[in-house]
N, C-alpha and C. Protein backbone atom coordinates (compact mmCIF):
# COMPACT_ATOMS: atom_id res chain seq x y z
N MET A 1 47.55 60.26 345.02
CA MET A 1 47.08 60.36 346.41
C MET A 1 45.56 60.49 346.49
N GLU A 2 44.90 60.57 345.31
CA GLU A 2 43.45 60.70 345.32
C GLU A 2 42.77 59.48 345.90
N SER A 3 43.46 58.32 345.84
CA SER A 3 42.85 57.08 346.32
C SER A 3 42.95 56.91 347.83
N VAL A 4 43.70 57.78 348.50
CA VAL A 4 43.84 57.68 349.95
C VAL A 4 42.54 58.13 350.61
N PRO A 5 41.95 57.30 351.46
CA PRO A 5 40.68 57.69 352.10
C PRO A 5 40.86 58.88 353.03
N ALA A 6 39.83 59.71 353.10
CA ALA A 6 39.91 60.93 353.91
C ALA A 6 40.13 60.61 355.38
N PHE A 7 39.55 59.52 355.86
CA PHE A 7 39.69 59.21 357.29
C PHE A 7 41.14 58.92 357.66
N ALA A 8 41.93 58.41 356.69
CA ALA A 8 43.35 58.15 356.97
C ALA A 8 44.08 59.46 357.24
N SER A 9 43.78 60.48 356.44
CA SER A 9 44.42 61.78 356.64
C SER A 9 43.99 62.41 357.95
N VAL A 10 42.70 62.26 358.30
CA VAL A 10 42.20 62.82 359.55
C VAL A 10 42.88 62.16 360.74
N VAL A 11 42.94 60.83 360.72
CA VAL A 11 43.58 60.10 361.82
C VAL A 11 45.05 60.48 361.92
N PHE A 12 45.70 60.62 360.77
CA PHE A 12 47.12 60.97 360.80
C PHE A 12 47.35 62.36 361.38
N MET A 13 46.52 63.32 360.98
CA MET A 13 46.69 64.68 361.50
C MET A 13 46.45 64.72 363.00
N ILE A 14 45.45 64.00 363.48
CA ILE A 14 45.21 63.93 364.93
C ILE A 14 46.42 63.31 365.62
N THR A 15 46.97 62.27 365.01
CA THR A 15 48.15 61.61 365.58
C THR A 15 49.34 62.54 365.62
N ALA A 16 49.53 63.31 364.55
CA ALA A 16 50.66 64.25 364.50
C ALA A 16 50.54 65.30 365.59
N PHE A 17 49.35 65.87 365.74
CA PHE A 17 49.15 66.89 366.78
C PHE A 17 49.26 66.29 368.18
N ALA A 18 48.81 65.05 368.34
CA ALA A 18 48.93 64.38 369.64
C ALA A 18 50.41 64.13 369.97
N THR A 19 51.18 63.75 368.96
CA THR A 19 52.61 63.53 369.17
C THR A 19 53.30 64.80 369.62
N VAL A 20 53.02 65.88 368.92
CA VAL A 20 53.62 67.17 369.26
C VAL A 20 53.14 67.62 370.64
N GLY A 21 51.86 67.44 370.92
CA GLY A 21 51.33 67.85 372.21
C GLY A 21 51.97 67.11 373.36
N LEU A 22 52.10 65.78 373.24
CA LEU A 22 52.75 64.99 374.29
C LEU A 22 54.22 65.39 374.45
N PHE A 23 54.88 65.61 373.32
CA PHE A 23 56.29 65.98 373.38
C PHE A 23 56.48 67.34 374.05
N LEU A 24 55.68 68.32 373.66
CA LEU A 24 55.82 69.65 374.26
C LEU A 24 55.42 69.64 375.73
N PHE A 25 54.52 68.75 376.11
CA PHE A 25 54.18 68.59 377.53
C PHE A 25 55.40 68.08 378.29
N ALA A 26 56.14 67.16 377.66
CA ALA A 26 57.38 66.67 378.27
C ALA A 26 58.43 67.77 378.33
N VAL A 27 58.48 68.60 377.32
CA VAL A 27 59.44 69.72 377.28
C VAL A 27 59.20 70.66 378.45
N ARG A 28 57.93 70.84 378.82
CA ARG A 28 57.61 71.74 379.93
C ARG A 28 58.11 71.21 381.26
N SER A 29 58.47 69.91 381.31
CA SER A 29 58.96 69.35 382.56
C SER A 29 60.40 69.77 382.86
N SER A 30 61.09 70.35 381.87
CA SER A 30 62.46 70.79 382.09
C SER A 30 62.47 72.22 382.61
N PRO A 31 63.29 72.51 383.62
CA PRO A 31 63.35 73.87 384.15
C PRO A 31 64.15 74.84 383.28
N ASP A 32 64.80 74.33 382.22
CA ASP A 32 65.58 75.19 381.33
C ASP A 32 64.62 75.99 380.46
N GLY A 33 64.34 77.21 380.85
CA GLY A 33 63.36 78.02 380.15
C GLY A 33 63.74 78.37 378.74
N PHE A 34 65.03 78.65 378.50
CA PHE A 34 65.45 79.07 377.16
C PHE A 34 65.21 77.98 376.14
N TRP A 35 65.77 76.78 376.38
CA TRP A 35 65.62 75.70 375.42
C TRP A 35 64.18 75.21 375.36
N GLY A 36 63.48 75.27 376.47
CA GLY A 36 62.08 74.89 376.46
C GLY A 36 61.26 75.80 375.54
N ARG A 37 61.51 77.11 375.66
CA ARG A 37 60.79 78.06 374.79
C ARG A 37 61.19 77.88 373.33
N MET A 38 62.48 77.63 373.09
CA MET A 38 62.94 77.44 371.72
C MET A 38 62.27 76.25 371.07
N VAL A 39 62.25 75.13 371.78
CA VAL A 39 61.64 73.92 371.23
C VAL A 39 60.13 74.10 371.05
N THR A 40 59.49 74.73 372.02
CA THR A 40 58.05 74.96 371.96
C THR A 40 57.67 75.83 370.77
N PHE A 41 58.53 76.76 370.40
CA PHE A 41 58.28 77.60 369.23
C PHE A 41 58.63 76.89 367.94
N LEU A 42 59.78 76.22 367.91
CA LEU A 42 60.30 75.68 366.66
C LEU A 42 59.50 74.50 366.13
N VAL A 43 58.98 73.64 367.00
CA VAL A 43 58.26 72.46 366.50
C VAL A 43 57.00 72.85 365.74
N PRO A 44 56.10 73.68 366.30
CA PRO A 44 54.94 74.10 365.50
C PRO A 44 55.34 74.89 364.26
N PHE A 45 56.36 75.73 364.38
CA PHE A 45 56.84 76.49 363.22
C PHE A 45 57.32 75.55 362.13
N TRP A 46 58.01 74.49 362.52
CA TRP A 46 58.52 73.52 361.55
C TRP A 46 57.37 72.78 360.86
N MET A 47 56.31 72.50 361.59
CA MET A 47 55.13 71.88 360.99
C MET A 47 54.53 72.80 359.93
N LEU A 48 54.48 74.09 360.23
CA LEU A 48 53.96 75.07 359.28
C LEU A 48 54.83 75.16 358.03
N VAL A 49 56.14 75.15 358.22
CA VAL A 49 57.07 75.19 357.08
C VAL A 49 56.84 74.01 356.15
N GLN A 50 56.68 72.81 356.73
CA GLN A 50 56.46 71.62 355.92
C GLN A 50 55.12 71.68 355.19
N PHE A 51 54.12 72.26 355.82
CA PHE A 51 52.83 72.45 355.15
C PHE A 51 52.98 73.36 353.93
N VAL A 52 53.71 74.44 354.09
CA VAL A 52 53.89 75.38 352.98
C VAL A 52 54.67 74.72 351.84
N LEU A 53 55.74 74.01 352.17
CA LEU A 53 56.56 73.37 351.13
C LEU A 53 55.75 72.34 350.34
N THR A 54 54.97 71.54 351.03
CA THR A 54 54.18 70.53 350.32
C THR A 54 53.05 71.17 349.53
N SER A 55 52.57 72.31 349.99
CA SER A 55 51.51 73.02 349.25
C SER A 55 51.98 73.44 347.87
N TYR A 56 53.27 73.72 347.74
CA TYR A 56 53.85 74.10 346.46
C TYR A 56 54.47 72.91 345.73
N GLY A 57 54.25 71.70 346.25
CA GLY A 57 54.78 70.52 345.59
C GLY A 57 56.29 70.43 345.60
N PHE A 58 56.91 71.02 346.63
CA PHE A 58 58.37 71.11 346.67
C PHE A 58 59.03 69.74 346.65
N TYR A 59 58.48 68.79 347.36
CA TYR A 59 59.13 67.48 347.49
C TYR A 59 58.80 66.54 346.32
N LEU A 60 57.90 66.95 345.44
CA LEU A 60 57.51 66.09 344.33
C LEU A 60 58.58 66.00 343.26
N ASN A 61 59.54 66.92 343.29
CA ASN A 61 60.72 66.81 342.41
C ASN A 61 61.69 65.83 343.06
N THR A 62 61.69 64.61 342.55
CA THR A 62 62.44 63.54 343.20
C THR A 62 63.76 63.22 342.50
N ASP A 63 64.17 64.07 341.57
CA ASP A 63 65.39 63.78 340.82
C ASP A 63 66.61 64.50 341.37
N THR A 64 66.43 65.31 342.40
CA THR A 64 67.56 66.09 342.93
C THR A 64 68.48 65.21 343.77
N GLN A 65 69.72 65.65 343.88
CA GLN A 65 70.71 64.94 344.69
C GLN A 65 71.46 65.94 345.55
N PRO A 66 71.34 65.88 346.88
CA PRO A 66 70.57 64.89 347.64
C PRO A 66 69.07 65.13 347.52
N PRO A 67 68.25 64.13 347.79
CA PRO A 67 66.80 64.31 347.71
C PRO A 67 66.33 65.46 348.60
N ARG A 68 65.38 66.22 348.09
CA ARG A 68 64.89 67.39 348.84
C ARG A 68 64.32 67.01 350.20
N LEU A 69 63.70 65.83 350.28
CA LEU A 69 63.13 65.41 351.56
C LEU A 69 64.21 65.28 352.63
N PHE A 70 65.37 64.79 352.26
CA PHE A 70 66.46 64.65 353.22
C PHE A 70 67.07 66.00 353.56
N LEU A 71 67.15 66.86 352.55
CA LEU A 71 67.81 68.15 352.74
C LEU A 71 66.99 69.11 353.58
N LEU A 72 65.69 69.22 353.30
CA LEU A 72 64.87 70.22 353.98
C LEU A 72 63.71 69.63 354.79
N GLY A 73 63.58 68.30 354.80
CA GLY A 73 62.53 67.69 355.59
C GLY A 73 63.06 66.96 356.81
N VAL A 74 64.12 66.20 356.61
CA VAL A 74 64.67 65.37 357.67
C VAL A 74 65.94 65.97 358.28
N GLY A 75 66.76 66.59 357.44
CA GLY A 75 68.05 67.10 357.90
C GLY A 75 67.97 68.10 359.04
N PRO A 76 67.18 69.17 358.94
CA PRO A 76 67.12 70.16 360.02
C PRO A 76 66.71 69.60 361.37
N PRO A 77 65.68 68.73 361.47
CA PRO A 77 65.37 68.15 362.80
C PRO A 77 66.52 67.33 363.38
N LEU A 78 67.23 66.59 362.53
CA LEU A 78 68.36 65.81 363.02
C LEU A 78 69.48 66.72 363.52
N LEU A 79 69.69 67.82 362.83
CA LEU A 79 70.69 68.79 363.28
C LEU A 79 70.27 69.41 364.61
N ALA A 80 68.97 69.68 364.76
CA ALA A 80 68.47 70.26 366.00
C ALA A 80 68.66 69.29 367.17
N ILE A 81 68.42 68.00 366.93
CA ILE A 81 68.64 66.99 367.97
C ILE A 81 70.10 66.95 368.37
N ALA A 82 70.98 66.96 367.36
CA ALA A 82 72.42 66.95 367.65
C ALA A 82 72.82 68.18 368.45
N LEU A 83 72.25 69.33 368.10
CA LEU A 83 72.57 70.57 368.81
C LEU A 83 72.14 70.49 370.27
N LEU A 84 70.96 69.96 370.53
CA LEU A 84 70.48 69.84 371.90
C LEU A 84 71.39 68.95 372.73
N PHE A 85 71.84 67.85 372.15
CA PHE A 85 72.73 66.96 372.89
C PHE A 85 74.12 67.56 373.05
N LEU A 86 74.48 68.45 372.16
CA LEU A 86 75.80 69.07 372.22
C LEU A 86 75.86 70.16 373.27
N VAL A 87 74.81 71.00 373.36
CA VAL A 87 74.90 72.19 374.21
C VAL A 87 73.91 72.19 375.38
N ALA A 88 72.94 71.27 375.38
CA ALA A 88 71.90 71.35 376.42
C ALA A 88 71.64 70.01 377.08
N ARG A 89 72.66 69.16 377.15
CA ARG A 89 72.46 67.84 377.76
C ARG A 89 72.06 67.94 379.22
N GLU A 90 72.83 68.70 379.98
CA GLU A 90 72.59 68.76 381.42
C GLU A 90 71.48 69.72 381.80
N SER A 91 71.42 70.85 381.10
CA SER A 91 70.43 71.86 381.48
C SER A 91 69.02 71.53 381.00
N PHE A 92 68.91 70.84 379.89
CA PHE A 92 67.60 70.60 379.29
C PHE A 92 67.23 69.12 379.26
N ILE A 93 68.02 68.31 378.56
CA ILE A 93 67.66 66.91 378.36
C ILE A 93 67.62 66.14 379.68
N SER A 94 68.58 66.39 380.55
CA SER A 94 68.64 65.66 381.82
C SER A 94 67.42 65.89 382.69
N ASN A 95 66.74 67.01 382.49
CA ASN A 95 65.61 67.37 383.33
C ASN A 95 64.25 67.05 382.71
N LEU A 96 64.26 66.43 381.53
CA LEU A 96 62.99 66.03 380.93
C LEU A 96 62.40 64.85 381.69
N SER A 97 61.09 64.75 381.66
CA SER A 97 60.39 63.68 382.37
C SER A 97 60.52 62.36 381.61
N LEU A 98 61.14 61.36 382.24
CA LEU A 98 61.26 60.05 381.62
C LEU A 98 59.90 59.40 381.36
N PRO A 99 58.95 59.47 382.30
CA PRO A 99 57.63 58.89 382.00
C PRO A 99 56.97 59.53 380.77
N LEU A 100 57.06 60.84 380.63
CA LEU A 100 56.43 61.51 379.49
C LEU A 100 57.16 61.18 378.19
N LEU A 101 58.49 61.11 378.24
CA LEU A 101 59.25 60.73 377.05
C LEU A 101 58.87 59.32 376.60
N THR A 102 58.55 58.46 377.54
CA THR A 102 58.16 57.09 377.22
C THR A 102 56.74 57.03 376.68
N LEU A 103 55.86 57.82 377.24
CA LEU A 103 54.46 57.81 376.83
C LEU A 103 54.28 58.27 375.39
N VAL A 104 55.19 59.09 374.89
CA VAL A 104 55.11 59.59 373.51
C VAL A 104 54.99 58.44 372.51
N HIS A 105 55.61 57.31 372.82
CA HIS A 105 55.70 56.23 371.85
C HIS A 105 54.36 55.53 371.60
N VAL A 106 53.36 55.82 372.40
CA VAL A 106 52.02 55.25 372.16
C VAL A 106 51.51 55.66 370.77
N VAL A 107 51.94 56.82 370.28
CA VAL A 107 51.44 57.31 368.98
C VAL A 107 51.87 56.41 367.83
N ARG A 108 52.80 55.51 368.08
CA ARG A 108 53.25 54.62 367.00
C ARG A 108 52.17 53.62 366.61
N ILE A 109 51.17 53.42 367.45
CA ILE A 109 50.06 52.53 367.09
C ILE A 109 49.23 53.13 365.95
N PRO A 110 48.68 54.35 366.13
CA PRO A 110 47.91 54.92 365.00
C PRO A 110 48.76 55.19 363.77
N VAL A 111 50.05 55.49 363.94
CA VAL A 111 50.91 55.68 362.78
C VAL A 111 50.95 54.41 361.93
N GLU A 112 51.09 53.27 362.58
CA GLU A 112 51.15 52.01 361.84
C GLU A 112 49.82 51.68 361.18
N LEU A 113 48.73 52.04 361.81
CA LEU A 113 47.42 51.83 361.19
C LEU A 113 47.28 52.70 359.94
N VAL A 114 47.74 53.94 360.01
CA VAL A 114 47.69 54.83 358.86
C VAL A 114 48.55 54.29 357.73
N LEU A 115 49.73 53.79 358.05
CA LEU A 115 50.59 53.21 357.02
C LEU A 115 49.91 52.02 356.33
N TYR A 116 49.17 51.25 357.09
CA TYR A 116 48.42 50.13 356.51
C TYR A 116 47.38 50.65 355.52
N TRP A 117 46.66 51.68 355.92
CA TRP A 117 45.65 52.27 355.02
C TRP A 117 46.29 52.87 353.78
N LEU A 118 47.45 53.49 353.95
CA LEU A 118 48.16 54.07 352.81
C LEU A 118 48.63 52.99 351.86
N ALA A 119 49.07 51.86 352.40
CA ALA A 119 49.49 50.75 351.55
C ALA A 119 48.30 50.20 350.76
N GLU A 120 47.15 50.12 351.42
CA GLU A 120 45.94 49.67 350.74
C GLU A 120 45.58 50.59 349.58
N ALA A 121 45.92 51.88 349.72
CA ALA A 121 45.62 52.87 348.68
C ALA A 121 46.74 53.00 347.66
N GLY A 122 47.83 52.25 347.84
CA GLY A 122 48.94 52.29 346.89
C GLY A 122 49.87 53.46 347.07
N ALA A 123 49.83 54.11 348.25
CA ALA A 123 50.67 55.29 348.48
C ALA A 123 51.98 54.97 349.18
N VAL A 124 52.07 53.79 349.78
CA VAL A 124 53.33 53.30 350.35
C VAL A 124 53.39 51.80 350.06
N PRO A 125 54.58 51.21 350.05
CA PRO A 125 54.68 49.77 349.81
C PRO A 125 54.23 48.95 351.01
N ASP A 126 53.84 47.70 350.76
CA ASP A 126 53.42 46.81 351.84
C ASP A 126 54.55 46.56 352.83
N SER A 127 55.79 46.67 352.38
CA SER A 127 56.93 46.44 353.28
C SER A 127 57.00 47.46 354.39
N MET A 128 56.31 48.59 354.25
CA MET A 128 56.29 49.61 355.29
C MET A 128 55.18 49.40 356.31
N THR A 129 54.47 48.27 356.21
CA THR A 129 53.39 47.97 357.14
C THR A 129 53.73 46.70 357.93
N PHE A 130 52.85 46.36 358.87
CA PHE A 130 53.07 45.15 359.66
C PHE A 130 52.81 43.89 358.84
N HIS A 131 52.37 44.04 357.59
CA HIS A 131 52.29 42.91 356.68
C HIS A 131 53.64 42.64 356.02
N GLY A 132 54.54 43.59 356.17
CA GLY A 132 55.87 43.46 355.58
C GLY A 132 56.93 43.30 356.65
N THR A 133 57.90 44.24 356.64
CA THR A 133 59.02 44.15 357.59
C THR A 133 58.93 45.18 358.71
N ASN A 134 57.79 45.85 358.80
CA ASN A 134 57.64 46.90 359.81
C ASN A 134 56.83 46.39 361.00
N PHE A 135 57.51 46.16 362.11
CA PHE A 135 56.85 45.71 363.33
C PHE A 135 56.91 46.78 364.41
N ASP A 136 56.99 48.03 363.97
CA ASP A 136 57.11 49.13 364.91
C ASP A 136 55.87 49.30 365.78
N ILE A 137 54.76 48.72 365.35
CA ILE A 137 53.54 48.80 366.16
C ILE A 137 53.75 48.16 367.53
N LEU A 138 54.68 47.21 367.61
CA LEU A 138 54.98 46.57 368.90
C LEU A 138 55.53 47.59 369.90
N SER A 139 56.26 48.57 369.40
CA SER A 139 56.77 49.62 370.30
C SER A 139 55.63 50.41 370.90
N GLY A 140 54.62 50.71 370.09
CA GLY A 140 53.47 51.44 370.60
C GLY A 140 52.64 50.63 371.57
N ILE A 141 52.48 49.34 371.26
CA ILE A 141 51.68 48.46 372.12
C ILE A 141 52.33 48.29 373.49
N THR A 142 53.65 48.18 373.50
CA THR A 142 54.37 47.96 374.77
C THR A 142 54.72 49.26 375.49
N ALA A 143 54.49 50.40 374.84
CA ALA A 143 54.82 51.69 375.46
C ALA A 143 54.12 51.91 376.79
N PRO A 144 52.83 51.55 376.95
CA PRO A 144 52.20 51.74 378.26
C PRO A 144 52.89 50.94 379.36
N LEU A 145 53.36 49.73 379.04
CA LEU A 145 54.10 48.94 380.03
C LEU A 145 55.41 49.61 380.40
N ALA A 146 56.10 50.14 379.38
CA ALA A 146 57.35 50.85 379.65
C ALA A 146 57.08 52.12 380.45
N PHE A 147 55.97 52.79 380.14
CA PHE A 147 55.58 53.99 380.89
C PHE A 147 55.37 53.65 382.36
N ALA A 148 54.66 52.56 382.63
CA ALA A 148 54.43 52.15 384.02
C ALA A 148 55.74 51.79 384.71
N ALA A 149 56.67 51.22 383.95
CA ALA A 149 57.95 50.80 384.52
C ALA A 149 58.80 51.98 384.96
N THR A 150 58.57 53.16 384.36
CA THR A 150 59.39 54.33 384.72
C THR A 150 59.12 54.79 386.15
N PHE A 151 58.00 54.34 386.73
CA PHE A 151 57.67 54.76 388.10
C PHE A 151 58.20 53.77 389.14
N VAL A 152 58.81 52.69 388.65
CA VAL A 152 59.32 51.66 389.57
C VAL A 152 60.83 51.79 389.68
N LYS A 153 61.33 51.96 390.88
CA LYS A 153 62.76 52.10 391.09
C LYS A 153 63.43 50.73 391.17
N GLY A 154 64.73 50.69 390.86
CA GLY A 154 65.48 49.45 390.95
C GLY A 154 66.33 49.23 389.73
N ALA A 155 67.46 48.56 389.93
CA ALA A 155 68.41 48.33 388.85
C ALA A 155 67.81 47.46 387.75
N ARG A 156 67.02 46.45 388.13
CA ARG A 156 66.44 45.57 387.13
C ARG A 156 65.45 46.29 386.23
N MET A 157 64.63 47.14 386.84
CA MET A 157 63.65 47.88 386.04
C MET A 157 64.36 48.88 385.15
N ARG A 158 65.41 49.49 385.67
CA ARG A 158 66.19 50.42 384.85
C ARG A 158 66.78 49.70 383.64
N MET A 159 67.32 48.51 383.85
CA MET A 159 67.88 47.73 382.74
C MET A 159 66.79 47.33 381.76
N ALA A 160 65.62 46.99 382.27
CA ALA A 160 64.50 46.63 381.39
C ALA A 160 64.11 47.80 380.49
N LEU A 161 64.12 49.00 381.05
CA LEU A 161 63.80 50.19 380.25
C LEU A 161 64.88 50.46 379.21
N ILE A 162 66.12 50.23 379.56
CA ILE A 162 67.21 50.40 378.59
C ILE A 162 67.04 49.43 377.43
N VAL A 163 66.75 48.16 377.76
CA VAL A 163 66.56 47.14 376.72
C VAL A 163 65.37 47.50 375.84
N TRP A 164 64.28 47.94 376.47
CA TRP A 164 63.08 48.31 375.70
C TRP A 164 63.38 49.46 374.74
N ASN A 165 64.09 50.47 375.22
CA ASN A 165 64.41 51.61 374.35
C ASN A 165 65.28 51.20 373.18
N PHE A 166 66.25 50.35 373.43
CA PHE A 166 67.12 49.90 372.33
C PHE A 166 66.33 49.04 371.34
N ALA A 167 65.46 48.17 371.84
CA ALA A 167 64.66 47.32 370.95
C ALA A 167 63.71 48.17 370.10
N ALA A 168 63.04 49.13 370.73
CA ALA A 168 62.11 49.99 370.00
C ALA A 168 62.86 50.89 369.02
N LEU A 169 64.06 51.31 369.41
CA LEU A 169 64.89 52.11 368.52
C LEU A 169 65.29 51.29 367.29
N GLY A 170 65.59 50.00 367.50
CA GLY A 170 65.92 49.13 366.38
C GLY A 170 64.75 48.98 365.42
N LEU A 171 63.53 48.82 365.96
CA LEU A 171 62.35 48.74 365.11
C LEU A 171 62.13 50.03 364.33
N LEU A 172 62.43 51.16 364.97
CA LEU A 172 62.31 52.45 364.28
C LEU A 172 63.28 52.53 363.12
N PHE A 173 64.52 52.09 363.33
CA PHE A 173 65.52 52.14 362.28
C PHE A 173 65.13 51.25 361.09
N ILE A 174 64.52 50.11 361.37
CA ILE A 174 64.12 49.21 360.29
C ILE A 174 63.11 49.88 359.36
N ILE A 175 62.08 50.52 359.94
CA ILE A 175 61.08 51.16 359.09
C ILE A 175 61.64 52.41 358.41
N VAL A 176 62.54 53.12 359.07
CA VAL A 176 63.14 54.30 358.45
C VAL A 176 63.98 53.90 357.25
N ILE A 177 64.76 52.84 357.39
CA ILE A 177 65.58 52.36 356.27
C ILE A 177 64.70 51.88 355.12
N THR A 178 63.65 51.13 355.47
CA THR A 178 62.73 50.64 354.43
C THR A 178 62.06 51.80 353.71
N ALA A 179 61.60 52.78 354.47
CA ALA A 179 60.93 53.94 353.87
C ALA A 179 61.90 54.74 353.01
N THR A 180 63.14 54.89 353.45
CA THR A 180 64.13 55.65 352.71
C THR A 180 64.46 54.99 351.38
N LEU A 181 64.67 53.68 351.41
CA LEU A 181 65.02 52.95 350.18
C LEU A 181 63.83 52.75 349.26
N SER A 182 62.62 53.02 349.76
CA SER A 182 61.41 52.91 348.93
C SER A 182 60.98 54.26 348.38
N LEU A 183 61.66 55.32 348.78
CA LEU A 183 61.31 56.67 348.34
C LEU A 183 61.74 56.89 346.89
N PRO A 184 60.87 57.42 346.03
CA PRO A 184 61.29 57.71 344.65
C PRO A 184 62.38 58.78 344.64
N SER A 185 63.59 58.35 344.37
CA SER A 185 64.75 59.23 344.42
C SER A 185 65.92 58.52 343.75
N PRO A 186 67.04 59.22 343.54
CA PRO A 186 68.20 58.56 342.94
C PRO A 186 68.76 57.41 343.77
N ILE A 187 68.38 57.32 345.07
CA ILE A 187 68.92 56.25 345.91
C ILE A 187 67.90 55.14 346.15
N GLN A 188 66.78 55.16 345.43
CA GLN A 188 65.75 54.15 345.65
C GLN A 188 66.28 52.76 345.30
N GLN A 189 66.03 51.81 346.20
CA GLN A 189 66.45 50.43 345.99
C GLN A 189 65.30 49.43 346.13
N LEU A 190 64.16 49.88 346.68
CA LEU A 190 63.06 48.96 346.96
C LEU A 190 61.74 49.51 346.41
N ALA A 191 60.77 48.64 346.30
CA ALA A 191 59.37 49.00 346.02
C ALA A 191 59.21 49.88 344.78
N PHE A 192 59.81 49.47 343.68
CA PHE A 192 59.68 50.26 342.46
C PHE A 192 58.27 50.22 341.89
N ASP A 193 57.54 49.14 342.17
CA ASP A 193 56.18 49.03 341.66
C ASP A 193 55.17 49.81 342.50
N GLN A 194 55.49 50.04 343.78
CA GLN A 194 54.60 50.80 344.67
C GLN A 194 55.47 51.60 345.65
N PRO A 195 56.07 52.69 345.18
CA PRO A 195 57.02 53.44 346.02
C PRO A 195 56.36 54.21 347.14
N ASN A 196 57.18 54.73 347.99
CA ASN A 196 56.74 55.51 349.15
C ASN A 196 56.52 56.97 348.73
N ILE A 197 55.33 57.24 348.20
CA ILE A 197 55.04 58.59 347.71
C ILE A 197 54.24 59.41 348.72
N ALA A 198 53.65 58.77 349.71
CA ALA A 198 52.77 59.48 350.65
C ALA A 198 53.52 60.60 351.37
N VAL A 199 54.76 60.32 351.80
CA VAL A 199 55.49 61.29 352.63
C VAL A 199 55.92 62.51 351.84
N LEU A 200 55.73 62.52 350.54
CA LEU A 200 56.05 63.70 349.73
C LEU A 200 54.89 64.68 349.70
N ASN A 201 53.79 64.31 350.33
CA ASN A 201 52.57 65.11 350.28
C ASN A 201 52.09 65.43 351.70
N PHE A 202 51.26 66.46 351.80
CA PHE A 202 50.63 66.83 353.06
C PHE A 202 49.42 65.94 353.30
N PRO A 203 49.16 65.50 354.53
CA PRO A 203 49.87 65.82 355.77
C PRO A 203 50.98 64.84 356.12
N TYR A 204 51.21 63.86 355.23
CA TYR A 204 52.11 62.75 355.59
C TYR A 204 53.58 63.16 355.62
N ILE A 205 53.88 64.35 355.12
CA ILE A 205 55.23 64.89 355.26
C ILE A 205 55.61 65.03 356.73
N TRP A 206 54.60 65.15 357.59
CA TRP A 206 54.89 65.29 359.03
C TRP A 206 55.42 64.00 359.64
N LEU A 207 55.29 62.87 358.93
CA LEU A 207 55.83 61.62 359.48
C LEU A 207 57.36 61.67 359.54
N PRO A 208 58.06 61.89 358.41
CA PRO A 208 59.53 61.92 358.48
C PRO A 208 60.09 63.20 359.07
N SER A 209 59.34 64.30 358.97
CA SER A 209 59.90 65.60 359.38
C SER A 209 59.56 65.99 360.81
N VAL A 210 58.53 65.37 361.39
CA VAL A 210 58.10 65.75 362.74
C VAL A 210 57.99 64.54 363.67
N ILE A 211 57.17 63.56 363.30
CA ILE A 211 56.90 62.44 364.21
C ILE A 211 58.14 61.59 364.44
N VAL A 212 58.80 61.18 363.36
CA VAL A 212 59.99 60.33 363.52
C VAL A 212 61.09 61.03 364.31
N PRO A 213 61.41 62.31 364.03
CA PRO A 213 62.42 62.98 364.86
C PRO A 213 62.04 63.07 366.34
N ILE A 214 60.76 63.29 366.63
CA ILE A 214 60.33 63.34 368.03
C ILE A 214 60.50 61.98 368.70
N VAL A 215 60.08 60.92 368.00
CA VAL A 215 60.23 59.57 368.55
C VAL A 215 61.71 59.24 368.75
N LEU A 216 62.53 59.59 367.77
CA LEU A 216 63.98 59.35 367.89
C LEU A 216 64.57 60.11 369.07
N PHE A 217 64.21 61.38 369.19
CA PHE A 217 64.72 62.19 370.31
C PHE A 217 64.27 61.61 371.64
N ALA A 218 63.01 61.16 371.72
CA ALA A 218 62.50 60.61 372.97
C ALA A 218 63.31 59.38 373.39
N HIS A 219 63.67 58.54 372.44
CA HIS A 219 64.50 57.38 372.75
C HIS A 219 65.89 57.80 373.21
N LEU A 220 66.52 58.68 372.46
CA LEU A 220 67.89 59.10 372.79
C LEU A 220 67.94 59.82 374.13
N ALA A 221 66.96 60.68 374.38
CA ALA A 221 66.93 61.40 375.66
C ALA A 221 66.67 60.44 376.82
N SER A 222 65.80 59.47 376.60
CA SER A 222 65.51 58.49 377.65
C SER A 222 66.76 57.66 377.96
N LEU A 223 67.45 57.21 376.93
CA LEU A 223 68.66 56.41 377.15
C LEU A 223 69.75 57.24 377.82
N TYR A 224 69.85 58.51 377.46
CA TYR A 224 70.83 59.38 378.11
C TYR A 224 70.53 59.49 379.60
N LYS A 225 69.27 59.68 379.93
CA LYS A 225 68.89 59.78 381.34
C LYS A 225 69.12 58.46 382.07
N LEU A 226 68.78 57.35 381.42
CA LEU A 226 68.92 56.05 382.07
C LEU A 226 70.38 55.68 382.32
N PHE A 227 71.26 56.10 381.41
CA PHE A 227 72.69 55.76 381.57
C PHE A 227 73.42 56.72 382.50
N THR A 228 72.96 57.96 382.57
CA THR A 228 73.70 58.96 383.34
C THR A 228 73.10 59.26 384.70
N HIS A 229 71.83 58.88 384.89
CA HIS A 229 71.18 59.14 386.18
C HIS A 229 70.72 57.82 386.76
N ARG A 230 71.34 57.38 387.79
CA ARG A 230 71.06 56.08 388.37
C ARG A 230 69.70 56.03 389.06
N ASN A 231 69.23 57.16 389.55
CA ASN A 231 67.97 57.18 390.29
C ASN A 231 66.84 57.60 389.36
């Protein structure tokens, strides 16, 4: 990771904090005080936990099964998302601001730029950039249009937002699968010559453990609102 330029880390950290800030701003739009306070506390706390784990090189042991990154980096946020949809759909998720949930996806532009810089430094494979199979930057570029569309009423605009969320969700899944199969671990299937090592280190651990779960939740919450609330 010594070859990674300092500006890439700075841009990524700014992007991570911007993602969390936008997300927590959206969380404040829900009148459910309990879950709002829980999420507002847990997200920064989770960022701190990941900083501590990477400081001790916890994720650099890549021979464990299941991989430590999945067990303690990705697993808990996914469980938290499932819990919110299980017990707080109506009280919390239904009351989140759709425009703010949509605006969060703008952060995918700087994320893709950072991935490009990391690939140039040999810290992630080219397949994880827009030179490979990752076109997730399109989600970030079109996010402002989707954000503007959330203020327009009508069945056609609602359908357009549903299609956009599904398309952007598909692009997210493509890069997640590519990154997962490129990770040095017992399940690695891709990029053996230039594996995905960046996410095992700070600050890039925040990509799979914080940014991706927030983006995923924003899509799922938006789709839930679009399918269950006609207005």
